[in-house]
Protein backbone atom coordinates (compact mmCIF):
# COMPACT_ATOMS: atom_id res chain seq x y z
CA MET A 1 -55.71 -30.69 3.41
CA LYS A 2 -52.54 -32.40 2.16
CA LYS A 3 -53.32 -31.19 -1.35
CA GLN A 4 -53.67 -27.60 -0.07
CA PHE A 5 -50.28 -27.76 1.69
CA LYS A 6 -48.70 -29.22 -1.46
CA THR A 7 -50.11 -26.36 -3.56
CA ILE A 8 -48.80 -23.74 -1.11
CA ALA A 9 -45.36 -25.38 -1.09
CA LEU A 10 -45.14 -25.44 -4.87
CA ALA A 11 -46.18 -21.79 -5.02
CA SER A 12 -43.48 -20.86 -2.51
CA ILE A 13 -40.82 -22.68 -4.53
CA ALA A 14 -41.95 -20.93 -7.73
CA LEU A 15 -41.80 -17.52 -6.05
CA GLY A 16 -38.34 -18.30 -4.71
CA LEU A 17 -37.05 -19.28 -8.13
CA PHE A 18 -38.54 -16.14 -9.68
CA ALA A 19 -36.88 -13.95 -7.03
CA CYS A 20 -33.55 -15.67 -7.63
CA PHE A 21 -33.72 -15.19 -11.40
CA SER A 22 -34.73 -11.55 -10.91
CA SER A 23 -31.95 -10.71 -8.43
CA CYS A 24 -29.20 -12.90 -9.91
CA SER A 25 -29.15 -11.42 -13.40
CA LYS A 26 -25.86 -11.06 -15.24
CA ASP A 27 -26.29 -7.28 -15.06
CA ASP A 28 -25.52 -7.28 -11.33
CA PRO A 29 -22.29 -5.41 -10.49
CA ALA A 30 -19.21 -7.51 -9.79
CA PRO A 31 -18.49 -7.89 -6.07
CA GLU A 32 -15.94 -5.45 -4.66
CA ILE A 33 -12.43 -6.63 -3.90
CA PRO A 34 -12.17 -7.30 -0.16
CA GLN A 35 -9.74 -4.85 1.43
CA GLU A 36 -7.54 -5.67 4.39
CA GLU A 37 -8.57 -3.81 7.53
CA VAL A 38 -5.82 -1.37 8.49
CA GLY A 39 -6.24 0.49 11.75
CA ARG A 40 -3.13 2.66 11.57
CA ALA A 41 0.25 2.71 9.87
CA ARG A 42 3.83 3.90 10.31
CA LEU A 43 6.61 4.80 7.87
CA THR A 44 10.17 4.40 9.12
CA PHE A 45 13.20 5.78 7.24
CA THR A 46 16.42 4.28 8.69
CA GLU A 47 19.76 5.44 7.30
CA VAL A 48 21.97 2.62 6.00
CA ALA A 49 25.41 2.36 4.40
CA TRP A 50 24.79 1.61 0.73
CA HIS A 51 27.44 -0.34 -1.19
CA GLY A 52 26.04 -0.36 -4.70
CA ASP A 53 24.12 -3.63 -4.49
CA HIS A 54 23.51 -4.13 -0.76
CA ALA A 55 23.14 -2.21 2.48
CA ASP A 56 24.84 -2.47 5.85
CA ASP A 57 23.29 -1.29 9.08
CA LEU A 58 24.90 1.68 10.82
CA GLU A 59 25.75 1.79 14.52
CA ASN A 60 23.99 5.12 15.06
CA PRO A 61 21.71 5.62 12.06
CA GLU A 62 19.49 8.58 11.40
CA VAL A 63 15.88 7.40 11.89
CA VAL A 64 12.87 9.37 10.72
CA GLU A 65 9.37 8.11 11.52
CA VAL A 66 5.79 9.22 11.02
CA GLU A 67 2.60 7.62 12.34
CA PHE A 68 -0.75 7.67 10.53
CA ASP A 69 -4.09 7.25 12.27
CA ALA A 70 -6.96 4.99 11.21
CA GLN A 71 -8.05 7.60 8.65
CA GLY A 72 -4.55 7.56 7.10
CA LEU A 73 -3.67 11.02 8.45
CA PRO A 74 -0.29 12.03 9.94
CA PRO A 75 -0.05 14.34 12.97
CA VAL A 76 -1.02 17.94 12.24
CA GLY A 77 2.00 19.80 10.90
CA ALA A 78 4.06 16.64 10.27
CA HIS A 79 7.10 17.54 8.16
CA LEU A 80 9.95 15.10 7.51
CA HIS A 81 13.55 15.95 6.60
CA LEU A 82 15.71 13.56 4.60
CA ASN A 83 19.33 14.14 3.65
CA ALA A 84 20.53 14.26 0.07
CA GLY A 85 23.17 11.65 -0.74
CA LYS A 86 21.91 9.14 1.84
CA THR A 87 20.10 5.83 1.49
CA TYR A 88 17.29 4.89 3.86
CA ARG A 89 15.62 1.57 4.52
CA LEU A 90 11.97 2.48 4.12
CA GLU A 91 9.61 0.21 6.06
CA LEU A 92 5.83 0.28 6.12
CA THR A 93 4.31 -1.09 9.31
CA THR A 94 0.54 -1.58 9.45
CA TYR A 95 -1.74 -2.53 12.32
CA ASP A 96 -5.19 -4.06 12.29
CA PHE A 97 -7.98 -2.64 14.44
CA ALA A 98 -6.90 -4.87 17.33
CA GLY A 99 -3.45 -3.24 17.28
CA ARG A 100 -1.63 -6.26 15.82
CA GLU A 101 1.02 -5.83 13.11
CA SER A 102 -0.41 -6.84 9.75
CA GLN A 103 2.09 -5.84 7.04
CA HIS A 104 3.20 -9.45 6.60
CA GLU A 105 -0.22 -10.20 5.10
CA PHE A 106 0.56 -7.98 2.10
CA VAL A 107 3.88 -9.74 1.54
CA ASN A 108 2.25 -13.16 1.88
CA GLU A 109 -0.18 -12.12 -0.87
CA ALA A 110 2.42 -10.39 -3.05
CA HIS A 111 0.60 -11.44 -6.23
CA ILE A 112 -2.22 -8.97 -5.46
CA HIS A 113 -0.39 -6.14 -3.68
CA GLN A 114 1.91 -3.34 -4.82
CA VAL A 115 3.33 -0.17 -3.27
CA PHE A 116 3.78 3.00 -5.34
CA LEU A 117 5.82 5.98 -4.09
CA LEU A 118 4.66 9.24 -5.63
CA GLY A 119 5.05 12.98 -5.29
CA ALA A 120 8.82 13.55 -5.48
CA PRO A 121 10.19 15.82 -8.22
CA ASP A 122 12.07 14.05 -10.99
CA GLY A 123 15.58 12.96 -10.07
CA VAL A 124 15.17 13.36 -6.30
CA LEU A 125 14.52 9.74 -5.30
CA ASP A 126 15.32 6.26 -6.52
CA TYR A 127 14.03 3.04 -5.00
CA GLN A 128 14.79 -0.68 -4.80
CA TYR A 129 12.51 -3.35 -3.36
CA ALA A 130 13.80 -5.35 -0.39
CA ASP A 131 10.84 -7.49 0.67
CA PRO A 132 11.49 -11.01 2.02
CA ASN A 133 11.73 -13.81 -0.54
CA ASN A 134 11.96 -11.31 -3.43
CA ALA A 135 8.26 -10.61 -3.05
CA ARG A 136 8.56 -7.12 -4.65
CA VAL A 137 5.65 -5.46 -2.92
CA GLY A 138 7.34 -2.43 -1.35
CA ILE A 139 6.60 -3.06 2.31
CA THR A 140 10.39 -2.83 2.72
CA GLY A 141 12.78 -1.15 0.29
CA TYR A 142 15.80 1.11 -0.06
CA LEU A 143 15.13 4.76 -0.82
CA HIS A 144 18.10 6.54 -2.39
CA VAL A 145 17.96 10.30 -1.89
CA LEU A 146 19.80 11.70 -4.91
CA ARG A 147 19.58 15.45 -4.53
CA ALA A 148 18.09 18.23 -2.40
CA SER A 149 14.67 19.63 -3.23
CA ASP A 150 11.96 21.92 -1.98
CA SER A 151 9.21 20.38 0.11
CA PHE A 152 6.83 17.97 -1.59
CA ILE A 153 4.04 15.64 -0.55
CA PHE A 154 5.38 12.11 -0.31
CA ASN A 155 2.53 9.77 -1.20
CA LEU A 156 2.62 6.03 -0.51
CA ILE A 157 -0.10 4.00 -2.21
CA LEU A 158 -0.60 0.36 -1.24
CA ARG A 159 -2.76 -1.09 -3.98
CA HIS A 160 -4.88 -4.24 -3.82
CA LEU A 161 -4.73 -5.49 -7.40
CA ASN A 162 -7.17 -7.51 -9.41
CA GLU A 163 -6.08 -11.07 -10.13
CA GLY A 164 -3.51 -11.30 -12.92
CA VAL A 165 -2.56 -7.60 -12.91
CA LYS A 166 0.68 -7.93 -10.95
CA SER A 167 2.46 -9.65 -13.85
CA SER A 168 2.26 -6.43 -15.88
CA ILE A 169 4.03 -4.34 -13.20
CA THR A 170 7.80 -3.98 -13.45
CA ALA A 171 10.35 -2.80 -10.88
CA ASP A 172 10.49 0.52 -12.76
CA ASP A 173 6.83 1.20 -11.93
CA TRP A 174 7.61 2.01 -8.27
CA ASN A 175 6.79 5.71 -8.92
CA ASN A 176 4.41 5.37 -11.87
CA PRO A 177 1.96 8.31 -11.62
CA ASN A 178 -0.49 6.35 -13.76
CA TYR A 179 -0.67 3.52 -11.23
CA THR A 180 -4.48 3.36 -11.59
CA GLN A 181 -3.93 1.63 -14.92
CA PHE A 182 -3.15 -1.40 -12.76
CA SER A 183 -6.75 -2.19 -11.87
CA GLY A 184 -7.72 -2.65 -8.25
CA VAL A 185 -8.42 -0.58 -5.16
CA ASN A 186 -6.19 1.14 -2.61
CA ASP A 187 -5.66 -0.45 0.78
CA LEU A 188 -3.64 2.58 1.91
CA ASP A 189 -3.14 6.14 0.66
CA LEU A 190 -0.64 7.89 2.96
CA ASN A 191 0.57 11.46 2.50
CA VAL A 192 3.20 13.41 4.42
CA GLU A 193 5.30 16.48 3.65
CA VAL A 194 8.99 15.78 2.97
CA HIS A 195 11.89 18.19 2.50
CA VAL A 196 15.22 16.91 1.16
CA VAL A 197 18.16 18.96 2.48
CA GLU A 198 21.87 19.06 1.76
CA GLY A 199 24.05 17.43 4.43
CA ASP A 200 22.96 16.42 7.93
CA HIS A 201 19.92 18.22 9.29
CA ASP A 202 19.19 18.78 12.94
CA HIS A 203 15.84 17.13 13.71
């Protein structure tokens, strides 16, 4: 009886090893990059006084905000107006599915995260990073509105990069339309219509 049990046990081990070798081949696809869970997001544009290399807060700033749902969609008909000649502190706020703010996680892992701001016609916007500790992610930055333009779709991409890719991204890549060359996956892909107007606009 003991011999029979020993034979069955050895057979089970052999089958297990065969299954492992069959399923663990080097042809298996690489595991996907884990993405942070984002329940919803908000973009806030707060007017600041820009002094060439730094910003000061204003007593009564213009503030423009838009909320995105868990699918990354803004409210139906959302249409933002920004004023040419002004600088705005642009802040991305994200929330997990429990409703807790989570944008700090992207800054804490700056080596694998990067924001790209796309969609504006040439010469309409300029941008400078302003993340804590010079993290250069784009969760916070200063958006300089250089001139008026017709409406366009402002597209914020928050990319989860593969290890080692961040070192090849420069500060000038903030609006690189070929951002997919920096391998990884998108944690966020937010789109909202923006119209840049001359002078103050009544919201």
